[in-house]
Protein backbone atom coordinates (compact mmCIF):
# COMPACT_ATOMS: atom_id res chain seq x y z
CA UNK A 1 -21.83 -18.67 19.77
CA UNK A 2 -24.02 -16.85 17.29
CA UNK A 3 -22.90 -16.40 13.87
CA UNK A 4 -24.43 -13.29 11.90
CA UNK A 5 -24.97 -13.45 8.30
CA UNK A 6 -23.55 -9.99 8.49
CA UNK A 7 -20.26 -11.25 9.67
CA UNK A 8 -20.21 -13.73 6.40
CA UNK A 9 -20.60 -11.01 4.19
CA UNK A 10 -17.72 -9.34 5.50
CA UNK A 11 -15.80 -12.07 4.97
CA UNK A 12 -17.04 -12.68 1.19
CA UNK A 13 -16.04 -8.68 1.01
CA UNK A 14 -12.46 -9.31 2.11
CA UNK A 15 -12.40 -12.55 -0.12
CA UNK A 16 -13.51 -10.58 -3.33
CA UNK A 17 -12.21 -7.33 -3.28
CA UNK A 18 -9.53 -4.99 -1.90
CA UNK A 19 -11.01 -3.60 1.54
CA UNK A 20 -11.76 -0.05 1.92
CA UNK A 21 -10.22 3.08 2.58
CA UNK A 22 -7.16 4.36 1.08
CA UNK A 23 -6.39 1.02 -0.68
CA UNK A 24 -2.83 0.74 -2.38
CA UNK A 25 -1.34 -1.98 -4.09
CA UNK A 26 1.94 -2.04 -5.81
CA UNK A 27 1.04 0.53 -8.69
CA UNK A 28 -1.36 2.36 -6.84
CA UNK A 29 -4.89 1.11 -8.43
CA UNK A 30 -7.33 -1.15 -6.89
CA UNK A 31 -7.46 -4.51 -8.12
CA UNK A 32 -9.52 -7.51 -7.86
CA UNK A 33 -7.84 -11.04 -7.57
CA UNK A 34 -9.54 -13.72 -9.51
CA UNK A 35 -8.25 -16.77 -7.77
CA UNK A 36 -9.35 -20.11 -9.45
CA UNK A 37 -10.58 -22.39 -6.61
CA UNK A 38 -8.96 -25.69 -6.77
CA UNK A 39 -8.81 -29.20 -4.58
CA UNK A 40 -5.26 -29.94 -6.11
CA UNK A 41 -3.41 -26.70 -5.23
CA UNK A 42 -3.13 -24.51 -2.15
CA UNK A 43 -5.79 -21.38 -2.78
CA UNK A 44 -4.86 -17.92 -1.59
CA UNK A 45 -7.28 -15.16 -0.80
CA UNK A 46 -6.76 -11.59 -2.04
CA UNK A 47 -4.39 -8.93 -0.46
CA UNK A 48 -4.99 -5.60 0.44
CA UNK A 49 -3.89 -2.55 2.52
CA UNK A 50 -5.68 -0.22 4.00
CA UNK A 51 -5.15 3.15 6.06
CA UNK A 52 -7.03 6.03 7.65
CA UNK A 53 -7.22 8.56 10.51
CA UNK A 54 -9.01 8.33 13.51
CA UNK A 55 -8.98 10.56 16.73
CA UNK A 56 -8.38 9.22 20.44
CA UNK A 57 -8.68 11.16 23.28
CA UNK A 58 -8.61 14.23 21.17
CA UNK A 59 -5.05 13.15 19.56
CA UNK A 60 -5.12 12.29 15.66
CA UNK A 61 -3.85 9.11 15.31
CA UNK A 62 -3.31 7.19 11.41
CA UNK A 63 -3.77 3.46 10.73
CA UNK A 64 -2.51 1.39 8.04
CA UNK A 65 -2.64 -2.02 7.72
CA UNK A 66 -1.46 -4.80 5.40
CA UNK A 67 -3.93 -8.28 4.73
CA UNK A 68 -1.39 -10.78 3.30
CA UNK A 69 -1.31 -14.72 2.81
CA UNK A 70 1.18 -15.82 4.97
CA UNK A 71 2.87 -18.83 3.69
CA UNK A 72 4.71 -19.34 7.11
CA UNK A 73 1.29 -20.53 8.89
CA UNK A 74 0.07 -23.76 8.91
CA UNK A 75 -2.00 -24.52 5.51
CA UNK A 76 -5.97 -24.64 6.25
CA UNK A 77 -7.96 -27.38 4.97
CA UNK A 78 -11.68 -26.27 4.75
CA UNK A 79 -14.62 -28.93 5.68
CA UNK A 80 -14.91 -29.43 1.83
CA UNK A 81 -11.67 -30.53 1.08
CA UNK A 82 -10.07 -27.32 -0.04
CA UNK A 83 -6.55 -26.15 1.00
CA UNK A 84 -5.78 -22.50 1.66
CA UNK A 85 -2.97 -20.41 3.04
CA UNK A 86 -4.01 -18.65 6.29
CA UNK A 87 -3.27 -14.50 6.19
CA UNK A 88 -1.69 -12.30 8.83
CA UNK A 89 -2.53 -8.63 8.95
CA UNK A 90 0.22 -6.28 10.06
CA UNK A 91 -1.11 -3.09 11.85
CA UNK A 92 0.54 0.30 12.48
CA UNK A 93 -0.87 3.12 14.77
CA UNK A 94 0.94 6.20 14.00
CA UNK A 95 0.73 9.75 15.85
CA UNK A 96 2.29 12.06 13.45
CA UNK A 97 5.61 10.17 12.17
CA UNK A 98 5.62 8.24 15.58
CA UNK A 99 4.48 4.63 15.42
CA UNK A 100 2.73 4.16 18.82
CA UNK A 101 1.36 0.55 18.21
CA UNK A 102 2.75 -2.11 15.86
CA UNK A 103 1.36 -5.69 15.74
CA UNK A 104 1.04 -8.75 13.62
CA UNK A 105 -2.45 -10.48 13.89
CA UNK A 106 -2.93 -14.03 13.02
CA UNK A 107 -6.03 -16.53 13.64
CA UNK A 108 -4.25 -17.57 16.49
CA UNK A 109 -4.72 -13.91 18.20
CA UNK A 110 -8.14 -15.06 18.42
CA UNK A 111 -8.21 -18.83 19.20
CA UNK A 112 -9.79 -18.29 22.64
CA UNK A 113 -12.92 -17.11 21.13
CA UNK A 114 -13.61 -19.38 18.31
CA UNK A 115 -14.63 -22.96 18.91
CA UNK A 116 -12.09 -25.85 18.25
CA UNK A 117 -13.70 -27.41 15.38
CA UNK A 118 -14.72 -24.19 13.25
CA UNK A 119 -10.83 -22.82 14.31
CA UNK A 120 -9.36 -25.82 12.55
CA UNK A 121 -11.22 -25.40 9.69
CA UNK A 122 -10.72 -21.45 9.30
CA UNK A 123 -8.70 -18.76 8.15
CA UNK A 124 -8.34 -14.79 9.25
CA UNK A 125 -10.75 -13.81 6.56
CA UNK A 126 -10.87 -10.36 6.74
CA UNK A 127 -9.72 -7.53 8.72
CA UNK A 128 -11.15 -3.67 8.61
CA UNK A 129 -11.55 -0.82 10.81
CA UNK A 130 -14.80 -0.96 12.89
CA UNK A 131 -17.12 2.09 11.60
CA UNK A 132 -19.27 0.94 14.19
CA UNK A 133 -17.46 2.14 16.93
CA UNK A 134 -15.91 5.43 15.26
CA UNK A 135 -17.87 7.81 17.60
CA UNK A 136 -16.33 6.42 20.40
CA UNK A 137 -12.95 8.43 20.93
CA UNK A 138 -11.48 6.22 24.00
CA UNK A 139 -9.63 3.64 21.97
CA UNK A 140 -8.84 2.37 18.59
CA UNK A 141 -11.61 -0.43 17.16
CA UNK A 142 -11.09 -2.70 14.08
CA UNK A 143 -12.83 -6.07 13.34
CA UNK A 144 -11.21 -9.39 12.37
CA UNK A 145 -13.18 -11.77 10.58
CA UNK A 146 -12.23 -15.71 11.14
CA UNK A 147 -14.32 -18.23 9.04
CA UNK A 148 -13.97 -20.62 6.21
CA UNK A 149 -12.68 -18.75 3.16
CA UNK A 150 -15.56 -20.10 0.86
CA UNK A 151 -18.22 -17.07 1.10
CA UNK A 152 -20.75 -19.40 1.21
CA UNK A 153 -19.92 -21.18 4.45
CA UNK A 154 -21.99 -20.14 7.55
CA UNK A 155 -18.68 -20.44 9.37
CA UNK A 156 -17.61 -16.94 10.14
CA UNK A 157 -16.94 -15.15 13.58
CA UNK A 158 -16.65 -11.22 13.86
CA UNK A 159 -14.12 -10.04 16.44
CA UNK A 160 -14.15 -7.19 17.69
CA UNK A 161 -10.32 -5.35 18.48
CA UNK A 162 -10.03 -2.67 21.11
CA UNK A 163 -6.75 -1.08 21.52
CA UNK A 164 -6.08 1.39 24.09
CA UNK A 165 -3.36 4.26 23.86
CA UNK A 166 -1.17 2.24 26.04
CA UNK A 167 -1.15 -1.00 23.68
CA UNK A 168 -3.51 -2.72 25.97
CA UNK A 169 -5.40 -5.22 23.34
CA UNK A 170 -9.14 -6.68 24.12
CA UNK A 171 -11.24 -8.72 21.81
CA UNK A 172 -14.72 -10.08 22.00
CA UNK A 173 -17.02 -11.76 19.63
CA UNK A 174 -19.56 -9.00 18.43
CA UNK A 175 -22.98 -9.48 16.79
CA UNK A 176 -23.42 -6.11 14.73
CA UNK A 177 -20.75 -4.62 12.67
CA UNK A 178 -20.11 -1.80 10.29
CA UNK A 179 -17.62 -1.45 7.55
CA UNK A 180 -17.33 1.38 5.27
CA UNK A 181 -18.86 0.25 1.69
CA UNK A 182 -16.20 -0.81 -0.70
CA UNK A 183 -18.16 0.42 -3.75
CA UNK A 184 -21.48 1.25 -4.88
CA UNK A 185 -23.82 -1.57 -5.43
CA UNK A 186 -21.93 -4.01 -3.68
CA UNK A 187 -25.08 -5.65 -2.29
CA UNK A 188 -26.33 -6.20 -5.51
CA UNK A 189 -25.92 -9.77 -7.61
CA UNK A 190 -24.03 -8.82 -10.75
CA UNK A 191 -25.77 -11.46 -12.88
CA UNK A 192 -29.21 -9.73 -11.48
CA UNK A 193 -28.90 -7.57 -14.57
CA UNK A 194 -28.06 -10.21 -16.91
CA UNK A 195 -31.82 -11.54 -17.17
């Protein structure tokens, strides 16, 4: 399957910062976790929460999810020999105060879509609302990124997740995705202005 460079940038975004929307942490401040990557320890990716609103078949829903390191999942060793905790995403979709969908996604949720060799060296590297599909009001659309947690790696797969109002889930590899910007000038190299 063809991998896109844009998918790699989404994985890097989720590695380096909290994702978009109404980010919340324990102290309601956006944070960036500066993990020192080491071959001698088990590394972790940044955790984040996201929530937002979406209209499906004329009804307004809210979604919220938490992207977390999951120590219950097997540790992943990348091709470079770095070890990482894998991640899971707990997703809730609500209509008013009623939870209409609740599910925990892991890398295993997408195992049938990823080549076995890449799957073994990958983690669930990111998750977000799929803004490319935001004008389709028939389902809830999300994007998961499964790949090597090193943002310089070319092992990255973007998985489209479509959830219908009855809880049915369809997944597929997607080539074109768009997520809301995390902050201004995200695509600029921070060292560019040091010269």
